[in-house]
N, C-alpha and C. Protein backbone atom coordinates (compact mmCIF):
# COMPACT_ATOMS: atom_id res chain seq x y z
N UNK A 1 220.08 72.19 -6.52
CA UNK A 1 219.13 73.01 -7.20
C UNK A 1 218.61 74.10 -6.25
N UNK A 2 218.40 73.74 -4.97
CA UNK A 2 217.96 74.74 -4.00
C UNK A 2 218.98 75.87 -3.87
N UNK A 3 220.25 75.51 -3.89
CA UNK A 3 221.30 76.52 -3.74
C UNK A 3 221.25 77.51 -4.90
N UNK A 4 221.10 76.99 -6.09
CA UNK A 4 221.05 77.87 -7.26
C UNK A 4 219.85 78.81 -7.19
N UNK A 5 218.71 78.27 -6.77
CA UNK A 5 217.53 79.12 -6.62
C UNK A 5 217.74 80.15 -5.51
N UNK A 6 218.37 79.73 -4.41
CA UNK A 6 218.63 80.64 -3.30
C UNK A 6 219.58 81.75 -3.72
N UNK A 7 220.58 81.41 -4.55
CA UNK A 7 221.51 82.42 -5.05
C UNK A 7 220.80 83.46 -5.91
N UNK A 8 219.68 83.07 -6.51
CA UNK A 8 218.90 84.01 -7.34
C UNK A 8 217.84 84.73 -6.50
N UNK A 9 218.05 84.76 -5.19
CA UNK A 9 217.18 85.47 -4.24
C UNK A 9 215.78 84.87 -4.12
N UNK A 10 215.66 83.56 -4.32
CA UNK A 10 214.39 82.87 -4.11
C UNK A 10 214.27 82.59 -2.61
N UNK A 11 213.43 83.36 -1.93
CA UNK A 11 213.30 83.28 -0.48
C UNK A 11 212.83 81.90 -0.02
N UNK A 12 211.90 81.28 -0.75
CA UNK A 12 211.40 79.95 -0.39
C UNK A 12 212.52 78.91 -0.48
N UNK A 13 213.34 79.01 -1.51
CA UNK A 13 214.46 78.08 -1.66
C UNK A 13 215.47 78.25 -0.54
N UNK A 14 215.73 79.50 -0.17
CA UNK A 14 216.67 79.78 0.92
C UNK A 14 216.15 79.20 2.23
N UNK A 15 214.89 79.42 2.52
CA UNK A 15 214.30 78.87 3.74
C UNK A 15 214.34 77.35 3.74
N UNK A 16 214.01 76.73 2.63
CA UNK A 16 214.03 75.27 2.52
C UNK A 16 215.44 74.73 2.69
N UNK A 17 216.41 75.39 2.08
CA UNK A 17 217.81 74.97 2.16
C UNK A 17 218.27 74.90 3.61
N UNK A 18 217.95 75.93 4.39
CA UNK A 18 218.39 75.95 5.78
C UNK A 18 217.47 75.12 6.68
N UNK A 19 216.22 74.97 6.33
CA UNK A 19 215.32 74.11 7.10
C UNK A 19 215.80 72.66 7.04
N UNK A 20 216.27 72.25 5.88
CA UNK A 20 216.75 70.89 5.69
C UNK A 20 218.10 70.67 6.38
N UNK A 21 218.98 71.66 6.32
CA UNK A 21 220.35 71.49 6.81
C UNK A 21 220.57 71.90 8.26
N UNK A 22 219.68 72.70 8.83
CA UNK A 22 219.88 73.18 10.20
C UNK A 22 219.90 72.05 11.24
N UNK A 23 218.99 71.08 11.19
CA UNK A 23 219.05 70.01 12.22
C UNK A 23 220.36 69.23 12.18
N UNK A 24 220.88 68.96 10.99
CA UNK A 24 222.16 68.28 10.86
C UNK A 24 223.28 69.13 11.47
N UNK A 25 223.27 70.41 11.14
CA UNK A 25 224.27 71.33 11.66
C UNK A 25 224.22 71.41 13.18
N UNK A 26 223.04 71.62 13.73
CA UNK A 26 222.91 71.77 15.17
C UNK A 26 223.26 70.47 15.90
N UNK A 27 222.81 69.34 15.37
CA UNK A 27 223.13 68.05 16.00
C UNK A 27 224.63 67.82 16.05
N UNK A 28 225.32 68.11 14.96
CA UNK A 28 226.78 67.94 14.94
C UNK A 28 227.45 68.88 15.93
N UNK A 29 226.99 70.12 15.97
CA UNK A 29 227.62 71.09 16.88
C UNK A 29 227.38 70.75 18.34
N UNK A 30 226.21 70.23 18.68
CA UNK A 30 225.95 69.83 20.07
C UNK A 30 226.94 68.76 20.48
N UNK A 31 227.15 67.80 19.60
CA UNK A 31 228.08 66.71 19.93
C UNK A 31 229.53 67.17 19.93
N UNK A 32 229.87 68.09 19.06
CA UNK A 32 231.25 68.57 18.98
C UNK A 32 231.58 69.51 20.12
N UNK A 33 230.67 70.42 20.43
CA UNK A 33 230.96 71.40 21.48
C UNK A 33 230.70 70.87 22.87
N UNK A 34 229.75 69.94 22.99
CA UNK A 34 229.37 69.44 24.31
C UNK A 34 228.51 70.43 25.08
N UNK A 35 228.00 71.44 24.40
CA UNK A 35 227.21 72.49 25.06
C UNK A 35 226.10 72.92 24.10
N UNK A 36 224.87 72.60 24.45
CA UNK A 36 223.73 72.87 23.56
C UNK A 36 223.55 74.37 23.30
N UNK A 37 223.75 75.19 24.31
CA UNK A 37 223.59 76.64 24.11
C UNK A 37 224.66 77.21 23.19
N UNK A 38 225.89 76.80 23.42
CA UNK A 38 226.98 77.26 22.55
C UNK A 38 226.77 76.76 21.13
N UNK A 39 226.30 75.54 21.00
CA UNK A 39 226.03 74.97 19.68
C UNK A 39 224.98 75.78 18.94
N UNK A 40 223.93 76.17 19.65
CA UNK A 40 222.87 76.99 19.04
C UNK A 40 223.43 78.34 18.59
N UNK A 41 224.25 78.97 19.41
CA UNK A 41 224.85 80.26 19.06
C UNK A 41 225.74 80.13 17.82
N UNK A 42 226.58 79.10 17.82
CA UNK A 42 227.48 78.89 16.69
C UNK A 42 226.67 78.59 15.43
N UNK A 43 225.64 77.76 15.56
CA UNK A 43 224.81 77.41 14.40
C UNK A 43 224.15 78.65 13.81
N UNK A 44 223.63 79.50 14.66
CA UNK A 44 222.99 80.72 14.17
C UNK A 44 223.99 81.63 13.47
N UNK A 45 225.18 81.78 14.05
CA UNK A 45 226.22 82.59 13.41
C UNK A 45 226.62 81.99 12.06
N UNK A 46 226.75 80.67 12.03
CA UNK A 46 227.15 80.00 10.80
C UNK A 46 226.10 80.18 9.70
N UNK A 47 224.83 80.09 10.07
CA UNK A 47 223.76 80.29 9.08
C UNK A 47 223.81 81.71 8.54
N UNK A 48 223.99 82.69 9.42
CA UNK A 48 224.09 84.07 8.96
C UNK A 48 225.26 84.26 8.01
N UNK A 49 226.41 83.70 8.38
CA UNK A 49 227.59 83.82 7.51
C UNK A 49 227.35 83.12 6.18
N UNK A 50 226.68 81.97 6.22
CA UNK A 50 226.39 81.24 4.98
C UNK A 50 225.46 82.03 4.08
N UNK A 51 224.46 82.66 4.66
CA UNK A 51 223.53 83.47 3.85
C UNK A 51 224.27 84.64 3.20
N UNK A 52 225.09 85.31 4.00
CA UNK A 52 225.84 86.46 3.49
C UNK A 52 226.81 86.03 2.39
N UNK A 53 227.39 84.85 2.52
CA UNK A 53 228.42 84.39 1.59
C UNK A 53 227.92 83.32 0.62
N UNK A 54 226.62 83.20 0.46
CA UNK A 54 226.05 82.14 -0.39
C UNK A 54 226.60 82.19 -1.82
N UNK A 55 226.87 83.37 -2.32
CA UNK A 55 227.42 83.51 -3.68
C UNK A 55 228.78 82.83 -3.81
N UNK A 56 229.50 82.68 -2.69
CA UNK A 56 230.84 82.07 -2.71
C UNK A 56 230.79 80.54 -2.69
N UNK A 57 229.61 79.97 -2.42
CA UNK A 57 229.50 78.51 -2.37
C UNK A 57 229.74 77.92 -3.75
N UNK A 58 230.64 76.95 -3.81
CA UNK A 58 230.93 76.22 -5.04
C UNK A 58 230.53 74.77 -4.79
N UNK A 59 229.78 74.17 -5.70
CA UNK A 59 229.27 72.81 -5.44
C UNK A 59 230.32 71.70 -5.55
N UNK A 60 231.56 71.96 -5.11
CA UNK A 60 232.59 70.91 -5.05
C UNK A 60 232.25 69.90 -3.96
N UNK A 61 231.62 70.39 -2.91
CA UNK A 61 231.23 69.55 -1.78
C UNK A 61 229.74 69.77 -1.53
N UNK A 62 229.17 68.90 -0.71
CA UNK A 62 227.76 69.07 -0.36
C UNK A 62 227.58 70.39 0.38
N UNK A 63 226.39 70.95 0.27
CA UNK A 63 226.10 72.20 0.96
C UNK A 63 226.27 72.02 2.46
N UNK A 64 225.84 70.86 2.99
CA UNK A 64 225.97 70.63 4.44
C UNK A 64 227.43 70.63 4.87
N UNK A 65 228.33 70.13 4.03
CA UNK A 65 229.76 70.16 4.35
C UNK A 65 230.27 71.59 4.42
N UNK A 66 229.86 72.40 3.47
CA UNK A 66 230.24 73.82 3.45
C UNK A 66 229.71 74.53 4.68
N UNK A 67 228.47 74.26 5.04
CA UNK A 67 227.85 74.89 6.20
C UNK A 67 228.56 74.47 7.49
N UNK A 68 228.88 73.20 7.62
CA UNK A 68 229.59 72.71 8.81
C UNK A 68 231.01 73.29 8.86
N UNK A 69 231.63 73.48 7.71
CA UNK A 69 232.95 74.11 7.68
C UNK A 69 232.88 75.52 8.25
N UNK A 70 231.88 76.27 7.83
CA UNK A 70 231.69 77.62 8.36
C UNK A 70 231.48 77.55 9.87
N UNK A 71 230.66 76.61 10.32
CA UNK A 71 230.36 76.48 11.75
C UNK A 71 231.61 76.10 12.54
N UNK A 72 232.41 75.18 12.03
CA UNK A 72 233.62 74.78 12.75
C UNK A 72 234.61 75.94 12.83
N UNK A 73 234.73 76.72 11.77
CA UNK A 73 235.60 77.91 11.82
C UNK A 73 235.07 78.92 12.83
N UNK A 74 233.77 79.10 12.86
CA UNK A 74 233.15 80.01 13.83
C UNK A 74 233.41 79.51 15.25
N UNK A 75 233.24 78.21 15.46
CA UNK A 75 233.47 77.62 16.78
C UNK A 75 234.93 77.78 17.21
N UNK A 76 235.86 77.50 16.30
CA UNK A 76 237.28 77.64 16.64
C UNK A 76 237.62 79.09 17.00
N UNK A 77 237.07 80.03 16.25
CA UNK A 77 237.33 81.44 16.55
C UNK A 77 236.77 81.82 17.91
N UNK A 78 235.57 81.37 18.22
CA UNK A 78 234.98 81.66 19.54
C UNK A 78 235.80 81.02 20.65
N UNK A 79 236.24 79.81 20.42
CA UNK A 79 237.01 79.08 21.44
C UNK A 79 238.33 79.80 21.71
N UNK A 80 238.98 80.26 20.67
CA UNK A 80 240.24 81.01 20.84
C UNK A 80 240.02 82.27 21.66
N UNK A 81 238.94 83.00 21.34
CA UNK A 81 238.67 84.25 22.05
C UNK A 81 238.30 84.01 23.52
N UNK A 82 237.57 82.96 23.79
CA UNK A 82 237.04 82.74 25.14
C UNK A 82 237.79 81.65 25.90
N UNK A 83 238.93 81.25 25.41
CA UNK A 83 239.65 80.11 25.97
C UNK A 83 239.83 80.21 27.48
N UNK A 84 240.16 81.35 27.99
CA UNK A 84 240.42 81.50 29.43
C UNK A 84 239.18 81.79 30.24
N UNK A 85 238.11 82.16 29.57
CA UNK A 85 236.92 82.62 30.28
C UNK A 85 235.87 81.55 30.54
N UNK A 86 235.68 80.64 29.60
CA UNK A 86 234.54 79.71 29.69
C UNK A 86 234.98 78.29 29.99
N UNK A 87 234.46 77.68 31.07
CA UNK A 87 234.74 76.27 31.31
C UNK A 87 233.91 75.40 30.37
N UNK A 88 234.42 74.22 30.06
CA UNK A 88 233.66 73.27 29.25
C UNK A 88 232.54 72.71 30.09
N UNK A 89 231.34 72.64 29.50
CA UNK A 89 230.19 72.09 30.20
C UNK A 89 229.80 70.77 29.57
N UNK A 90 229.08 69.96 30.34
CA UNK A 90 228.61 68.69 29.81
C UNK A 90 227.45 68.91 28.87
N UNK A 91 227.22 67.94 28.01
CA UNK A 91 226.12 68.01 27.06
C UNK A 91 224.79 67.94 27.78
N UNK A 92 223.89 68.80 27.40
CA UNK A 92 222.51 68.74 27.89
C UNK A 92 221.80 67.71 27.04
N UNK A 93 221.56 66.55 27.60
CA UNK A 93 221.04 65.42 26.83
C UNK A 93 219.68 65.75 26.23
N UNK A 94 218.83 66.44 26.93
CA UNK A 94 217.52 66.77 26.37
C UNK A 94 217.68 67.64 25.13
N UNK A 95 218.60 68.58 25.16
CA UNK A 95 218.83 69.43 24.00
C UNK A 95 219.45 68.62 22.87
N UNK A 96 220.35 67.71 23.21
CA UNK A 96 220.96 66.88 22.18
C UNK A 96 219.90 66.00 21.51
N UNK A 97 218.97 65.48 22.29
CA UNK A 97 217.92 64.65 21.72
C UNK A 97 217.07 65.45 20.75
N UNK A 98 216.76 66.69 21.08
CA UNK A 98 215.90 67.49 20.22
C UNK A 98 216.66 68.04 19.03
N UNK A 99 218.00 67.99 19.07
CA UNK A 99 218.79 68.58 17.99
C UNK A 99 218.83 67.70 16.76
N UNK A 100 218.45 66.47 16.86
CA UNK A 100 218.41 65.60 15.68
C UNK A 100 219.67 64.80 15.54
N UNK A 101 219.81 64.14 14.39
CA UNK A 101 220.96 63.29 14.14
C UNK A 101 220.63 61.87 14.54
N UNK A 102 221.47 60.93 14.09
CA UNK A 102 221.20 59.52 14.30
C UNK A 102 221.14 59.16 15.77
N UNK A 103 222.04 59.73 16.58
CA UNK A 103 222.06 59.37 17.99
C UNK A 103 220.98 60.09 18.78
N UNK A 104 220.40 61.13 18.23
CA UNK A 104 219.40 61.91 18.94
C UNK A 104 218.00 61.37 18.82
N UNK A 105 217.79 60.38 17.95
CA UNK A 105 216.45 59.86 17.75
C UNK A 105 216.20 58.69 18.68
N UNK A 106 215.07 58.70 19.35
CA UNK A 106 214.74 57.60 20.25
C UNK A 106 213.44 56.97 19.80
N UNK A 107 213.36 55.65 19.90
CA UNK A 107 212.14 54.96 19.54
C UNK A 107 211.58 54.23 20.76
N UNK A 108 211.89 54.74 21.95
CA UNK A 108 211.45 54.10 23.18
C UNK A 108 209.94 54.20 23.32
N UNK A 109 209.34 53.11 23.82
CA UNK A 109 207.90 53.11 23.99
C UNK A 109 207.52 53.10 25.46
N UNK A 110 208.45 52.76 26.33
CA UNK A 110 208.13 52.74 27.75
C UNK A 110 209.06 53.69 28.49
N UNK A 111 208.70 54.00 29.73
CA UNK A 111 209.53 54.88 30.55
C UNK A 111 210.90 54.25 30.79
N UNK A 112 210.91 52.92 30.96
CA UNK A 112 212.18 52.22 31.18
C UNK A 112 213.08 52.32 29.95
N UNK A 113 212.50 52.10 28.76
CA UNK A 113 213.27 52.22 27.53
C UNK A 113 213.80 53.64 27.34
N UNK A 114 212.96 54.62 27.66
CA UNK A 114 213.37 56.01 27.54
C UNK A 114 214.53 56.30 28.49
N UNK A 115 214.43 55.84 29.73
CA UNK A 115 215.50 56.06 30.71
C UNK A 115 216.79 55.39 30.27
N UNK A 116 216.71 54.16 29.74
CA UNK A 116 217.91 53.47 29.26
C UNK A 116 218.52 54.19 28.07
N UNK A 117 217.68 54.70 27.20
CA UNK A 117 218.16 55.46 26.05
C UNK A 117 218.89 56.72 26.48
N UNK A 118 218.34 57.41 27.47
CA UNK A 118 218.99 58.64 27.96
C UNK A 118 220.31 58.31 28.66
N UNK A 119 220.34 57.19 29.38
CA UNK A 119 221.58 56.77 30.03
C UNK A 119 222.64 56.48 28.98
N UNK A 120 222.26 55.77 27.91
CA UNK A 120 223.21 55.47 26.84
C UNK A 120 223.69 56.76 26.17
N UNK A 121 222.78 57.70 25.94
CA UNK A 121 223.17 58.98 25.34
C UNK A 121 224.10 59.75 26.27
N UNK A 122 223.85 59.68 27.58
CA UNK A 122 224.70 60.34 28.55
C UNK A 122 226.10 59.72 28.54
N UNK A 123 226.17 58.38 28.50
CA UNK A 123 227.46 57.71 28.43
C UNK A 123 228.21 58.12 27.16
N UNK A 124 227.49 58.17 26.03
CA UNK A 124 228.12 58.54 24.77
C UNK A 124 228.65 59.98 24.84
N UNK A 125 227.85 60.88 25.40
CA UNK A 125 228.28 62.28 25.52
C UNK A 125 229.51 62.39 26.42
N UNK A 126 229.51 61.66 27.52
CA UNK A 126 230.67 61.70 28.42
C UNK A 126 231.91 61.13 27.75
N UNK A 127 231.73 60.05 26.98
CA UNK A 127 232.87 59.47 26.27
C UNK A 127 233.41 60.44 25.22
N UNK A 128 232.52 61.08 24.48
CA UNK A 128 232.97 62.05 23.48
C UNK A 128 233.72 63.20 24.13
N UNK A 129 233.31 63.56 25.34
CA UNK A 129 233.99 64.62 26.06
C UNK A 129 235.42 64.28 26.43
N UNK A 130 235.75 62.98 26.43
CA UNK A 130 237.12 62.56 26.75
C UNK A 130 238.07 62.78 25.57
N UNK A 131 237.52 63.01 24.38
CA UNK A 131 238.35 63.22 23.19
C UNK A 131 238.74 64.70 23.07
N UNK A 132 239.88 64.95 22.45
CA UNK A 132 240.25 66.33 22.15
C UNK A 132 239.26 66.87 21.12
N UNK A 133 239.19 68.18 21.00
CA UNK A 133 238.24 68.81 20.08
C UNK A 133 238.48 68.35 18.64
N UNK A 134 239.73 68.24 18.22
CA UNK A 134 240.03 67.82 16.85
C UNK A 134 239.55 66.39 16.57
N UNK A 135 239.80 65.52 17.52
CA UNK A 135 239.39 64.12 17.33
C UNK A 135 237.87 63.98 17.45
N UNK A 136 237.25 64.74 18.34
CA UNK A 136 235.79 64.68 18.51
C UNK A 136 235.07 65.14 17.24
N UNK A 137 235.58 66.21 16.61
CA UNK A 137 234.97 66.69 15.37
C UNK A 137 234.97 65.62 14.30
N UNK A 138 236.12 64.99 14.10
CA UNK A 138 236.26 63.96 13.08
C UNK A 138 235.36 62.77 13.39
N UNK A 139 235.36 62.33 14.65
CA UNK A 139 234.55 61.18 15.05
C UNK A 139 233.07 61.44 14.84
N UNK A 140 232.60 62.59 15.27
CA UNK A 140 231.17 62.93 15.14
C UNK A 140 230.76 63.00 13.68
N UNK A 141 231.55 63.68 12.86
CA UNK A 141 231.18 63.82 11.45
C UNK A 141 231.17 62.48 10.74
N UNK A 142 232.09 61.58 11.09
CA UNK A 142 232.16 60.27 10.44
C UNK A 142 231.08 59.33 10.96
N UNK A 143 230.99 59.17 12.27
CA UNK A 143 230.16 58.11 12.82
C UNK A 143 228.72 58.53 13.13
N UNK A 144 228.47 59.78 13.35
CA UNK A 144 227.10 60.23 13.59
C UNK A 144 226.43 60.67 12.29
N UNK A 145 227.21 61.23 11.36
CA UNK A 145 226.62 61.84 10.17
C UNK A 145 227.08 61.21 8.86
N UNK A 146 227.99 60.25 8.90
CA UNK A 146 228.38 59.51 7.71
C UNK A 146 229.15 60.30 6.67
N UNK A 147 229.83 61.36 7.06
CA UNK A 147 230.63 62.12 6.11
C UNK A 147 231.76 61.24 5.60
N UNK A 148 232.17 61.46 4.35
CA UNK A 148 233.33 60.76 3.81
C UNK A 148 234.59 61.40 4.38
N UNK A 149 235.72 60.71 4.21
CA UNK A 149 236.99 61.26 4.69
C UNK A 149 237.27 62.60 4.01
N UNK A 150 237.00 62.69 2.71
CA UNK A 150 237.25 63.93 1.99
C UNK A 150 236.35 65.05 2.49
N UNK A 151 235.08 64.76 2.75
CA UNK A 151 234.16 65.77 3.27
C UNK A 151 234.61 66.27 4.63
N UNK A 152 235.09 65.35 5.47
CA UNK A 152 235.58 65.75 6.79
C UNK A 152 236.83 66.61 6.64
N UNK A 153 237.73 66.20 5.76
CA UNK A 153 238.95 66.97 5.53
C UNK A 153 238.61 68.38 5.07
N UNK A 154 237.65 68.49 4.17
CA UNK A 154 237.23 69.82 3.71
C UNK A 154 236.63 70.63 4.85
N UNK A 155 235.82 69.99 5.68
CA UNK A 155 235.13 70.69 6.76
C UNK A 155 236.09 71.16 7.85
N UNK A 156 237.06 70.34 8.22
CA UNK A 156 237.94 70.71 9.33
C UNK A 156 239.24 71.36 8.86
N UNK A 157 239.48 71.35 7.55
CA UNK A 157 240.64 72.03 7.01
C UNK A 157 241.96 71.32 7.23
N UNK A 158 241.98 70.02 6.99
CA UNK A 158 243.22 69.26 7.12
C UNK A 158 243.25 68.18 6.04
N UNK A 159 244.42 67.56 5.80
CA UNK A 159 244.51 66.51 4.80
C UNK A 159 243.71 65.25 5.19
N UNK A 160 243.36 64.46 4.20
CA UNK A 160 242.60 63.23 4.44
C UNK A 160 243.39 62.30 5.35
N UNK A 161 244.70 62.24 5.19
CA UNK A 161 245.53 61.38 6.04
C UNK A 161 245.41 61.76 7.51
N UNK A 162 245.34 63.05 7.78
CA UNK A 162 245.17 63.52 9.15
C UNK A 162 243.81 63.13 9.69
N UNK A 163 242.78 63.21 8.84
CA UNK A 163 241.44 62.77 9.23
C UNK A 163 241.47 61.30 9.62
N UNK A 164 242.08 60.48 8.78
CA UNK A 164 242.17 59.04 9.07
C UNK A 164 242.91 58.78 10.38
N UNK A 165 244.01 59.49 10.58
CA UNK A 165 244.79 59.33 11.80
C UNK A 165 243.99 59.73 13.04
N UNK A 166 243.32 60.89 12.96
CA UNK A 166 242.51 61.34 14.10
C UNK A 166 241.37 60.38 14.38
N UNK A 167 240.76 59.87 13.32
CA UNK A 167 239.66 58.92 13.50
C UNK A 167 240.16 57.64 14.15
N UNK A 168 241.28 57.13 13.67
CA UNK A 168 241.86 55.92 14.25
C UNK A 168 242.20 56.14 15.73
N UNK A 169 242.85 57.26 16.03
CA UNK A 169 243.21 57.57 17.41
C UNK A 169 241.97 57.70 18.29
N UNK A 170 240.93 58.36 17.77
CA UNK A 170 239.72 58.55 18.58
C UNK A 170 239.04 57.22 18.87
N UNK A 171 239.00 56.33 17.90
CA UNK A 171 238.39 55.01 18.13
C UNK A 171 239.18 54.25 19.17
N UNK A 172 240.51 54.28 19.08
CA UNK A 172 241.35 53.58 20.06
C UNK A 172 241.15 54.16 21.46
N UNK A 173 241.11 55.50 21.54
CA UNK A 173 240.91 56.14 22.84
C UNK A 173 239.54 55.80 23.43
N UNK A 174 238.52 55.79 22.59
CA UNK A 174 237.17 55.45 23.06
C UNK A 174 237.11 54.01 23.53
N UNK A 175 237.75 53.11 22.82
CA UNK A 175 237.77 51.69 23.24
C UNK A 175 238.42 51.55 24.61
N UNK A 176 239.56 52.24 24.79
CA UNK A 176 240.24 52.17 26.10
C UNK A 176 239.36 52.76 27.20
N UNK A 177 238.72 53.89 26.91
CA UNK A 177 237.88 54.55 27.92
C UNK A 177 236.65 53.71 28.25
N UNK A 178 236.06 53.08 27.26
CA UNK A 178 234.90 52.20 27.50
C UNK A 178 235.31 51.02 28.38
N UNK A 179 236.46 50.43 28.07
CA UNK A 179 236.94 49.31 28.88
C UNK A 179 237.27 49.78 30.31
N UNK A 180 237.89 50.94 30.43
CA UNK A 180 238.25 51.46 31.76
C UNK A 180 237.00 51.70 32.60
N UNK A 181 235.95 52.20 31.98
CA UNK A 181 234.72 52.49 32.71
C UNK A 181 233.83 51.26 32.89
N UNK A 182 234.22 50.16 32.28
CA UNK A 182 233.42 48.93 32.40
C UNK A 182 232.08 49.01 31.70
N UNK A 183 232.01 49.72 30.60
CA UNK A 183 230.74 49.90 29.88
C UNK A 183 230.47 48.77 28.90
N UNK A 184 231.41 47.89 28.70
CA UNK A 184 231.20 46.77 27.77
C UNK A 184 230.60 45.60 28.51
């Protein structure tokens, strides 16, 4: 309903639509890119593209899926252009925590709990960094945000079978890496 109102130039609906979806978008991008600053840039570009192309949105998928699809295409285009110029950086855990999402929320009440939570988030970010970009995207969308296989396929632009294969491979790779690092 917000989308329909936003398409009719209802400014409040447009603001609400992106206020609700931006934390999900940014949280996913932080985990996928491994770089909070790049994630913020991609998210802002994706929001602008979504606003400009809002009339093209068809409610076949959730709005958040459409928005993440735009963001992933934006990210892939940036990565292709800057492939030789920019080294991959580690995730800034403080930025990831503030970006939202299931893994970004902490309920620690003591300094020790907070430190352990940050250590676990750091381990998770490092493990995700061991995955290829294609596998990391699928894993994050499925396990951090609960997207269905079809929603992931729509977002990353591949068949559902490929999504399942990438997800299976990523889980196997993460299990091996966790065992290798002695994190179990």
